């Protein structure tokens, strides 16, 4: 599971060819042993993390939406994608 980025003990991943279960562009977010799967549009698909961290991730998603869709389009084709700088705005 390739890592897209990490910040504030939050790790964001995207699997290759991971469109079987959700059919929607999404990311996997891990924080302190908890995991949530979020659509790139910010909708929660499964799991949970604390609200404070969830807000941070959703804000990050909005800032990096274009890069996330680019990574998703590559990942579903089995292609490698670049990591995303968490602090670039």
N, C-alpha and C. Protein backbone atom coordinates (compact mmCIF):
# COMPACT_ATOMS: atom_id res chain seq x y z
N UNK A 1 0.85 -1.17 0.00
CA UNK A 1 0.00 0.00 0.00
C UNK A 1 0.90 1.23 0.00
N UNK A 2 1.03 1.90 -1.11
CA UNK A 2 1.91 3.06 -1.20
C UNK A 2 1.42 4.23 -0.36
N UNK A 3 2.37 4.84 0.30
CA UNK A 3 2.05 5.99 1.14
C UNK A 3 2.04 7.25 0.28
N UNK A 4 0.97 8.02 0.41
CA UNK A 4 0.89 9.32 -0.28
C UNK A 4 1.59 10.40 0.52
N UNK A 5 1.33 10.41 1.84
CA UNK A 5 1.91 11.45 2.68
C UNK A 5 1.72 11.08 4.14
N UNK A 6 2.37 11.86 5.00
CA UNK A 6 2.14 11.74 6.45
C UNK A 6 2.39 13.08 7.10
N UNK A 7 1.57 13.38 8.10
CA UNK A 7 1.71 14.61 8.88
C UNK A 7 0.94 14.43 10.18
N UNK A 8 1.43 15.03 11.25
CA UNK A 8 0.77 14.98 12.57
C UNK A 8 0.35 13.57 12.98
N UNK A 9 1.20 12.59 12.77
CA UNK A 9 0.92 11.17 13.07
C UNK A 9 -0.21 10.59 12.23
N UNK A 10 -0.58 11.26 11.17
CA UNK A 10 -1.60 10.79 10.23
C UNK A 10 -0.86 10.27 9.00
N UNK A 11 -1.20 9.06 8.58
CA UNK A 11 -0.58 8.48 7.38
C UNK A 11 -1.68 8.25 6.35
N UNK A 12 -1.45 8.71 5.14
CA UNK A 12 -2.43 8.59 4.07
C UNK A 12 -1.87 7.69 2.98
N UNK A 13 -2.65 6.67 2.63
CA UNK A 13 -2.25 5.66 1.65
C UNK A 13 -3.25 5.62 0.51
N UNK A 14 -2.80 5.02 -0.58
CA UNK A 14 -3.69 4.70 -1.69
C UNK A 14 -3.22 3.37 -2.27
N UNK A 15 -4.13 2.43 -2.36
CA UNK A 15 -3.80 1.12 -2.91
C UNK A 15 -3.83 1.16 -4.44
N UNK A 16 -3.04 0.29 -5.05
CA UNK A 16 -3.14 0.10 -6.50
C UNK A 16 -4.37 -0.75 -6.81
N UNK A 17 -5.05 -0.43 -7.87
CA UNK A 17 -6.24 -1.15 -8.37
C UNK A 17 -7.25 -1.42 -7.26
N UNK A 18 -7.48 -0.45 -6.39
CA UNK A 18 -8.40 -0.59 -5.25
C UNK A 18 -9.75 0.04 -5.56
N UNK A 19 -10.42 -0.43 -6.59
CA UNK A 19 -11.73 0.12 -6.92
C UNK A 19 -12.82 -0.94 -6.87
N UNK A 20 -12.49 -2.14 -6.40
CA UNK A 20 -13.48 -3.22 -6.36
C UNK A 20 -14.56 -2.99 -5.30
N UNK A 21 -14.18 -2.57 -4.10
CA UNK A 21 -15.13 -2.44 -3.01
C UNK A 21 -15.90 -1.13 -3.03
N UNK A 22 -15.25 -0.05 -3.39
CA UNK A 22 -15.88 1.26 -3.24
C UNK A 22 -16.28 1.92 -4.56
N UNK A 23 -15.65 1.56 -5.64
CA UNK A 23 -15.94 2.14 -6.96
C UNK A 23 -15.89 3.65 -6.96
N UNK A 24 -15.18 4.21 -6.03
CA UNK A 24 -15.12 5.65 -5.89
C UNK A 24 -13.67 6.02 -5.54
N UNK A 25 -13.14 7.06 -6.13
CA UNK A 25 -11.78 7.47 -5.76
C UNK A 25 -11.70 7.75 -4.26
N UNK A 26 -10.74 7.12 -3.60
CA UNK A 26 -10.67 7.24 -2.15
C UNK A 26 -9.25 7.05 -1.63
N UNK A 27 -9.06 7.39 -0.37
CA UNK A 27 -7.79 7.22 0.31
C UNK A 27 -8.02 6.45 1.61
N UNK A 28 -6.96 5.84 2.11
CA UNK A 28 -6.97 5.16 3.39
C UNK A 28 -6.16 6.02 4.35
N UNK A 29 -6.73 6.30 5.50
CA UNK A 29 -6.08 7.17 6.48
C UNK A 29 -5.89 6.40 7.78
N UNK A 30 -4.67 6.38 8.29
CA UNK A 30 -4.39 5.71 9.56
C UNK A 30 -3.91 6.74 10.57
N UNK A 31 -4.42 6.58 11.78
CA UNK A 31 -4.02 7.44 12.89
C UNK A 31 -4.10 6.64 14.18
N UNK A 32 -2.98 6.47 14.86
CA UNK A 32 -2.92 5.77 16.15
C UNK A 32 -3.69 4.45 16.16
N UNK A 33 -3.47 3.63 15.17
CA UNK A 33 -4.11 2.31 15.13
C UNK A 33 -5.53 2.30 14.60
N UNK A 34 -6.09 3.46 14.30
CA UNK A 34 -7.43 3.54 13.73
C UNK A 34 -7.31 3.83 12.24
N UNK A 35 -8.33 3.45 11.49
CA UNK A 35 -8.31 3.69 10.05
C UNK A 35 -9.68 4.15 9.58
N UNK A 36 -9.66 5.08 8.64
CA UNK A 36 -10.87 5.53 7.97
C UNK A 36 -10.57 5.55 6.48
N UNK A 37 -11.57 5.25 5.69
CA UNK A 37 -11.47 5.35 4.24
C UNK A 37 -12.36 6.51 3.82
N UNK A 38 -11.76 7.48 3.13
CA UNK A 38 -12.48 8.67 2.70
C UNK A 38 -12.46 8.79 1.20
N UNK A 39 -13.60 9.16 0.63
CA UNK A 39 -13.63 9.51 -0.78
C UNK A 39 -12.80 10.77 -0.98
N UNK A 40 -12.28 10.97 -2.16
CA UNK A 40 -11.51 12.18 -2.42
C UNK A 40 -12.41 13.41 -2.32
N UNK A 41 -13.71 13.20 -2.36
CA UNK A 41 -14.65 14.30 -2.12
C UNK A 41 -14.89 14.53 -0.63
N UNK A 42 -14.22 13.75 0.24
CA UNK A 42 -14.32 13.94 1.69
C UNK A 42 -15.35 13.07 2.39
N UNK A 43 -16.16 12.33 1.64
CA UNK A 43 -17.17 11.49 2.28
C UNK A 43 -16.53 10.28 2.95
N UNK A 44 -17.05 9.94 4.12
CA UNK A 44 -16.54 8.79 4.85
C UNK A 44 -17.17 7.52 4.27
N UNK A 45 -16.32 6.58 3.88
CA UNK A 45 -16.81 5.32 3.31
C UNK A 45 -16.82 4.20 4.34
N UNK A 46 -15.83 4.22 5.24
CA UNK A 46 -15.77 3.17 6.26
C UNK A 46 -14.74 3.56 7.31
N UNK A 47 -14.97 3.13 8.54
CA UNK A 47 -14.01 3.34 9.61
C UNK A 47 -14.16 4.69 10.29
N UNK A 48 -13.18 4.99 11.15
CA UNK A 48 -13.25 6.23 11.90
C UNK A 48 -11.89 6.58 12.49
N UNK A 49 -11.64 7.85 12.64
CA UNK A 49 -10.52 8.40 13.38
C UNK A 49 -11.08 9.56 14.19
N UNK A 50 -10.35 10.07 15.18
CA UNK A 50 -10.87 11.21 15.96
C UNK A 50 -11.23 12.41 15.08
N UNK A 51 -12.25 13.14 15.53
CA UNK A 51 -12.77 14.27 14.74
C UNK A 51 -11.71 15.31 14.36
N UNK A 52 -10.85 15.62 15.30
CA UNK A 52 -9.82 16.63 15.03
C UNK A 52 -8.95 16.22 13.85
N UNK A 53 -8.52 14.97 13.84
CA UNK A 53 -7.68 14.48 12.75
C UNK A 53 -8.49 14.36 11.47
N UNK A 54 -9.74 13.96 11.57
CA UNK A 54 -10.59 13.87 10.39
C UNK A 54 -10.76 15.23 9.73
N UNK A 55 -10.93 16.27 10.53
CA UNK A 55 -11.03 17.64 9.98
C UNK A 55 -9.74 18.03 9.27
N UNK A 56 -8.59 17.70 9.88
CA UNK A 56 -7.31 18.02 9.25
C UNK A 56 -7.16 17.32 7.90
N UNK A 57 -7.55 16.04 7.86
CA UNK A 57 -7.44 15.29 6.62
C UNK A 57 -8.37 15.86 5.56
N UNK A 58 -9.58 16.19 5.92
CA UNK A 58 -10.52 16.75 4.94
C UNK A 58 -10.02 18.09 4.40
N UNK A 59 -9.41 18.89 5.26
CA UNK A 59 -8.83 20.16 4.80
C UNK A 59 -7.69 19.87 3.83
N UNK A 60 -6.85 18.90 4.18
CA UNK A 60 -5.73 18.52 3.32
C UNK A 60 -6.24 18.02 1.96
N UNK A 61 -7.32 17.23 1.97
CA UNK A 61 -7.90 16.70 0.73
C UNK A 61 -8.31 17.87 -0.18
N UNK A 62 -8.97 18.87 0.37
CA UNK A 62 -9.42 20.00 -0.44
C UNK A 62 -8.24 20.71 -1.10
N UNK A 63 -7.15 20.86 -0.36
CA UNK A 63 -5.97 21.55 -0.89
C UNK A 63 -5.32 20.73 -2.00
N UNK A 64 -5.34 19.40 -1.86
CA UNK A 64 -4.60 18.52 -2.77
C UNK A 64 -5.50 17.68 -3.68
N UNK A 65 -6.71 18.12 -3.89
CA UNK A 65 -7.69 17.34 -4.65
C UNK A 65 -7.18 16.95 -6.04
N UNK A 66 -6.61 17.88 -6.75
CA UNK A 66 -6.13 17.60 -8.11
C UNK A 66 -5.03 16.52 -8.09
N UNK A 67 -4.10 16.65 -7.15
CA UNK A 67 -3.02 15.66 -7.04
C UNK A 67 -3.57 14.29 -6.65
N UNK A 68 -4.59 14.27 -5.81
CA UNK A 68 -5.19 13.01 -5.39
C UNK A 68 -5.88 12.30 -6.55
N UNK A 69 -6.62 13.05 -7.36
CA UNK A 69 -7.27 12.44 -8.52
C UNK A 69 -6.23 11.93 -9.52
N UNK A 70 -5.15 12.66 -9.67
CA UNK A 70 -4.08 12.21 -10.55
C UNK A 70 -3.49 10.89 -10.03
N UNK A 71 -3.22 10.83 -8.73
CA UNK A 71 -2.69 9.60 -8.13
C UNK A 71 -3.70 8.46 -8.28
N UNK A 72 -4.98 8.74 -8.07
CA UNK A 72 -6.01 7.71 -8.20
C UNK A 72 -6.04 7.15 -9.62
N UNK A 73 -6.02 8.04 -10.60
CA UNK A 73 -6.07 7.59 -11.99
C UNK A 73 -4.88 6.71 -12.35
N UNK A 74 -3.73 7.01 -11.78
CA UNK A 74 -2.57 6.16 -12.00
C UNK A 74 -2.69 4.84 -11.24
N UNK A 75 -3.14 4.92 -9.98
CA UNK A 75 -3.22 3.72 -9.14
C UNK A 75 -4.17 2.67 -9.71
N UNK A 76 -5.33 3.09 -10.21
CA UNK A 76 -6.29 2.11 -10.73
C UNK A 76 -5.77 1.44 -12.01
N UNK A 77 -4.77 2.05 -12.63
CA UNK A 77 -4.14 1.44 -13.80
C UNK A 77 -2.89 0.65 -13.42
N UNK A 78 -2.61 0.59 -12.10
CA UNK A 78 -1.45 -0.15 -11.62
C UNK A 78 -0.14 0.60 -11.81
N UNK A 79 -0.24 1.90 -12.07
CA UNK A 79 0.95 2.72 -12.28
C UNK A 79 1.39 3.37 -10.97
N UNK A 80 2.67 3.60 -10.83
CA UNK A 80 3.18 4.29 -9.64
C UNK A 80 2.79 5.76 -9.69
N UNK A 81 2.62 6.34 -8.50
CA UNK A 81 2.29 7.75 -8.40
C UNK A 81 3.23 8.39 -7.40
N UNK A 82 3.34 9.70 -7.47
CA UNK A 82 4.24 10.44 -6.59
C UNK A 82 3.60 10.67 -5.23
N UNK A 83 4.45 10.82 -4.22
CA UNK A 83 3.94 11.22 -2.92
C UNK A 83 3.54 12.68 -3.00
N UNK A 84 2.78 13.13 -2.02
CA UNK A 84 2.28 14.50 -2.02
C UNK A 84 2.84 15.22 -0.80
N UNK A 85 3.41 16.39 -1.01
CA UNK A 85 3.94 17.19 0.08
C UNK A 85 2.77 17.67 0.96
N UNK A 86 2.77 17.28 2.23
CA UNK A 86 1.62 17.62 3.08
C UNK A 86 1.51 19.11 3.38
N UNK A 87 2.59 19.86 3.23
CA UNK A 87 2.58 21.27 3.64
C UNK A 87 2.50 22.22 2.47
N UNK A 88 2.47 21.70 1.26
CA UNK A 88 2.34 22.55 0.07
C UNK A 88 0.89 23.02 -0.03
N UNK A 89 0.71 24.30 -0.23
CA UNK A 89 -0.67 24.81 -0.36
C UNK A 89 -0.85 25.53 -1.67
